[in-house]
């Protein structure tokens, strides 16, 4: 049963947000909700994310879900599949900006309640290692545009990409598929995200 102090958190994204390869409670949005809860406050998490989604897939899913603008916190992490599938940065930028505007609307129009998480660098995984340089350059380009758009709207941009680049040197940071982050890596993201959110509020 919801209490007056309870908060609603909406996490929008792709495989990273749904936590491909980790248990439900180990997904980073769920870890974040647990960390931010306390003092009689409970955070209810809703995740709209699926492995393989690009920006356009996420936009379609949000439309189908018919979400209300009732969220106290909204996160957006999307773009890796645009890059992986060879979609242009220009197309990504247009669709990402639309998604960010939607995220702000869903956060009751409160910009301070929205944050963007950078795209992780899968070049630093066993899956992407052979193309590391090419992947990293592309991810940096996509993240540059995402950060620029976030800044345009005054939305907090949290850069977890450097943490993702520990994937090759620390094997326990990657799950068995050789591609996606482990619970341990997500915990490092969450520590950084929570610290940035607290600074903002």
Protein backbone atom coordinates (compact mmCIF):
# COMPACT_ATOMS: atom_id res chain seq x y z
CA UNK A 1 0.00 0.00 0.00
CA UNK A 2 1.36 3.44 -0.97
CA UNK A 3 2.19 5.88 1.82
CA UNK A 4 2.22 9.71 1.52
CA UNK A 5 6.03 9.74 1.52
CA UNK A 6 6.37 7.13 -1.22
CA UNK A 7 7.96 8.21 -4.50
CA UNK A 8 7.53 6.96 -8.06
CA UNK A 9 10.65 6.40 -10.18
CA UNK A 10 10.53 5.71 -13.93
CA UNK A 11 13.61 4.26 -15.64
CA UNK A 12 13.66 4.46 -19.46
CA UNK A 13 16.21 2.59 -21.54
CA UNK A 14 17.50 -0.60 -23.12
CA UNK A 15 19.46 -3.71 -22.01
CA UNK A 16 21.46 -1.72 -19.47
CA UNK A 17 18.34 -0.43 -17.72
CA UNK A 18 16.54 -3.79 -17.76
CA UNK A 19 19.76 -5.39 -16.49
CA UNK A 20 20.39 -8.09 -19.08
CA UNK A 21 22.07 -11.01 -17.32
CA UNK A 22 21.46 -9.94 -13.72
CA UNK A 23 18.57 -10.67 -11.27
CA UNK A 24 15.78 -8.10 -11.05
CA UNK A 25 16.94 -6.56 -7.76
CA UNK A 26 20.46 -6.17 -9.19
CA UNK A 27 19.35 -3.90 -12.05
CA UNK A 28 20.81 -0.46 -11.49
CA UNK A 29 17.43 1.34 -11.25
CA UNK A 30 16.36 -1.09 -8.52
CA UNK A 31 19.70 -0.70 -6.72
CA UNK A 32 19.28 3.08 -6.94
CA UNK A 33 15.74 2.96 -5.54
CA UNK A 34 16.96 0.87 -2.61
CA UNK A 35 19.83 3.29 -1.93
CA UNK A 36 17.59 6.37 -2.09
CA UNK A 37 14.85 4.84 0.10
CA UNK A 38 14.86 5.27 3.84
CA UNK A 39 13.56 7.57 6.59
CA UNK A 40 10.08 6.20 6.00
CA UNK A 41 10.34 6.88 2.27
CA UNK A 42 9.83 4.09 -0.22
CA UNK A 43 10.60 4.36 -3.95
CA UNK A 44 8.45 2.40 -6.37
CA UNK A 45 10.32 1.65 -9.59
CA UNK A 46 8.79 1.28 -13.05
CA UNK A 47 11.12 0.18 -15.85
CA UNK A 48 10.34 0.65 -19.54
CA UNK A 49 13.30 -1.00 -21.25
CA UNK A 50 14.15 -4.01 -23.40
CA UNK A 51 17.41 -5.44 -24.72
CA UNK A 52 18.07 -4.24 -28.28
CA UNK A 53 15.94 -1.09 -28.16
CA UNK A 54 16.98 2.01 -30.06
CA UNK A 55 15.60 5.49 -29.36
CA UNK A 56 12.64 4.92 -31.72
CA UNK A 57 11.74 1.59 -30.07
CA UNK A 58 11.72 3.24 -26.65
CA UNK A 59 9.55 6.11 -27.92
CA UNK A 60 7.01 3.61 -29.30
CA UNK A 61 6.96 1.66 -26.04
CA UNK A 62 6.33 4.81 -23.99
CA UNK A 63 3.42 5.68 -26.26
CA UNK A 64 1.93 2.19 -25.92
CA UNK A 65 2.35 2.23 -22.12
CA UNK A 66 0.23 5.42 -21.87
CA UNK A 67 2.17 6.63 -18.85
CA UNK A 68 0.87 9.48 -16.71
CA UNK A 69 2.96 12.50 -15.74
CA UNK A 70 3.16 11.36 -12.12
CA UNK A 71 6.82 10.46 -11.58
CA UNK A 72 9.04 12.01 -8.93
CA UNK A 73 12.19 10.80 -10.70
CA UNK A 74 12.82 9.82 -14.33
CA UNK A 75 16.05 8.47 -15.83
CA UNK A 76 16.98 8.08 -19.49
CA UNK A 77 19.79 5.84 -20.77
CA UNK A 78 19.52 5.01 -24.47
CA UNK A 79 21.58 4.99 -27.66
CA UNK A 80 23.92 2.02 -27.66
CA UNK A 81 21.76 0.13 -30.15
CA UNK A 82 21.52 3.16 -32.43
CA UNK A 83 25.31 3.06 -32.57
CA UNK A 84 25.60 -0.74 -32.80
CA UNK A 85 23.03 -0.95 -35.61
CA UNK A 86 24.77 1.76 -37.63
CA UNK A 87 22.17 4.50 -37.16
CA UNK A 88 23.42 8.05 -37.57
CA UNK A 89 24.24 10.40 -34.71
CA UNK A 90 21.97 13.01 -36.33
CA UNK A 91 18.97 10.66 -36.21
CA UNK A 92 19.84 9.72 -32.63
CA UNK A 93 20.03 13.38 -31.60
CA UNK A 94 16.55 14.18 -32.93
CA UNK A 95 14.95 11.12 -31.32
CA UNK A 96 16.91 11.53 -28.06
CA UNK A 97 15.74 15.12 -27.71
CA UNK A 98 12.12 14.03 -28.17
CA UNK A 99 12.61 11.34 -25.52
CA UNK A 100 14.11 13.84 -23.12
CA UNK A 101 11.15 16.18 -23.58
CA UNK A 102 8.85 13.21 -22.88
CA UNK A 103 10.86 12.35 -19.76
CA UNK A 104 10.48 15.91 -18.47
CA UNK A 105 6.72 15.78 -19.09
CA UNK A 106 6.45 12.45 -17.24
CA UNK A 107 8.39 13.97 -14.32
CA UNK A 108 5.50 16.39 -13.76
CA UNK A 109 7.34 18.92 -15.90
CA UNK A 110 10.08 19.20 -13.26
CA UNK A 111 13.53 19.32 -14.92
CA UNK A 112 15.26 18.73 -11.56
CA UNK A 113 13.51 15.34 -11.35
CA UNK A 114 15.07 14.06 -14.60
CA UNK A 115 18.56 12.73 -15.23
CA UNK A 116 20.38 11.26 -18.21
CA UNK A 117 22.91 8.45 -17.82
CA UNK A 118 25.71 8.22 -20.40
CA UNK A 119 25.99 5.26 -22.78
CA UNK A 120 28.44 2.62 -21.49
CA UNK A 121 31.39 1.63 -23.68
CA UNK A 122 31.00 -2.01 -24.72
CA UNK A 123 34.38 -1.79 -26.46
CA UNK A 124 35.78 -2.63 -23.04
CA UNK A 125 34.12 -6.06 -22.91
CA UNK A 126 35.22 -9.44 -24.29
CA UNK A 127 32.48 -9.02 -26.92
CA UNK A 128 33.75 -5.66 -28.19
CA UNK A 129 37.47 -5.84 -27.41
CA UNK A 130 38.64 -6.45 -31.00
CA UNK A 131 36.89 -3.26 -32.18
CA UNK A 132 37.54 -1.29 -28.99
CA UNK A 133 39.00 1.83 -30.58
CA UNK A 134 36.25 2.19 -33.18
CA UNK A 135 33.49 1.51 -30.65
CA UNK A 136 34.91 3.92 -28.07
CA UNK A 137 35.19 6.74 -30.59
CA UNK A 138 31.57 6.20 -31.68
CA UNK A 139 30.25 5.96 -28.11
CA UNK A 140 32.05 9.20 -27.22
CA UNK A 141 30.36 10.91 -30.18
CA UNK A 142 26.89 9.70 -29.17
CA UNK A 143 27.51 10.71 -25.55
CA UNK A 144 28.73 14.15 -26.60
CA UNK A 145 25.39 14.75 -28.35
CA UNK A 146 23.35 13.34 -25.45
CA UNK A 147 25.18 15.59 -22.98
CA UNK A 148 24.75 18.62 -25.24
CA UNK A 149 20.99 18.00 -25.47
CA UNK A 150 20.70 17.42 -21.71
CA UNK A 151 22.50 20.72 -21.07
CA UNK A 152 20.14 22.51 -23.48
CA UNK A 153 17.22 21.54 -21.23
CA UNK A 154 19.08 21.96 -17.94
CA UNK A 155 18.89 18.22 -17.24
CA UNK A 156 21.55 16.49 -15.16
CA UNK A 157 23.90 14.31 -17.26
CA UNK A 158 25.74 11.61 -15.30
CA UNK A 159 28.80 10.14 -16.98
CA UNK A 160 29.24 6.47 -16.03
CA UNK A 161 31.20 5.66 -19.22
CA UNK A 162 34.62 5.76 -17.46
CA UNK A 163 33.35 3.12 -15.01
CA UNK A 164 32.19 0.93 -17.91
CA UNK A 165 35.75 1.03 -19.26
CA UNK A 166 36.89 -1.11 -16.33
CA UNK A 167 35.17 -4.11 -17.91
CA UNK A 168 38.27 -5.67 -19.45
CA UNK A 169 40.66 -5.17 -16.54
CA UNK A 170 38.09 -6.43 -13.99
CA UNK A 171 36.31 -9.55 -15.33
CA UNK A 172 33.81 -9.59 -12.44
CA UNK A 173 32.37 -6.35 -13.83
CA UNK A 174 30.85 -8.24 -16.80
CA UNK A 175 28.24 -11.03 -16.79
CA UNK A 176 28.60 -14.42 -18.49
CA UNK A 177 27.52 -13.14 -21.94
CA UNK A 178 30.78 -11.19 -22.16
CA UNK A 179 28.92 -7.98 -22.95
CA UNK A 180 26.65 -6.65 -20.21
CA UNK A 181 27.58 -5.19 -16.81
CA UNK A 182 27.40 -7.24 -13.63
CA UNK A 183 25.67 -6.31 -10.39
CA UNK A 184 29.06 -5.13 -9.13
CA UNK A 185 29.51 -2.64 -11.99
CA UNK A 186 25.94 -1.42 -11.64
CA UNK A 187 26.61 -0.78 -7.94
CA UNK A 188 29.46 1.57 -8.92
CA UNK A 189 27.14 3.40 -11.33
CA UNK A 190 24.55 3.74 -8.58
CA UNK A 191 27.05 5.17 -6.10
CA UNK A 192 27.97 7.86 -8.63
CA UNK A 193 24.36 8.52 -9.70
CA UNK A 194 23.13 8.84 -6.10
CA UNK A 195 25.96 11.25 -5.25
CA UNK A 196 25.15 13.44 -8.28
CA UNK A 197 21.42 13.44 -7.47
CA UNK A 198 22.06 14.47 -3.89
CA UNK A 199 24.21 17.38 -5.08
CA UNK A 200 21.38 18.51 -7.37
CA UNK A 201 18.64 18.49 -4.73
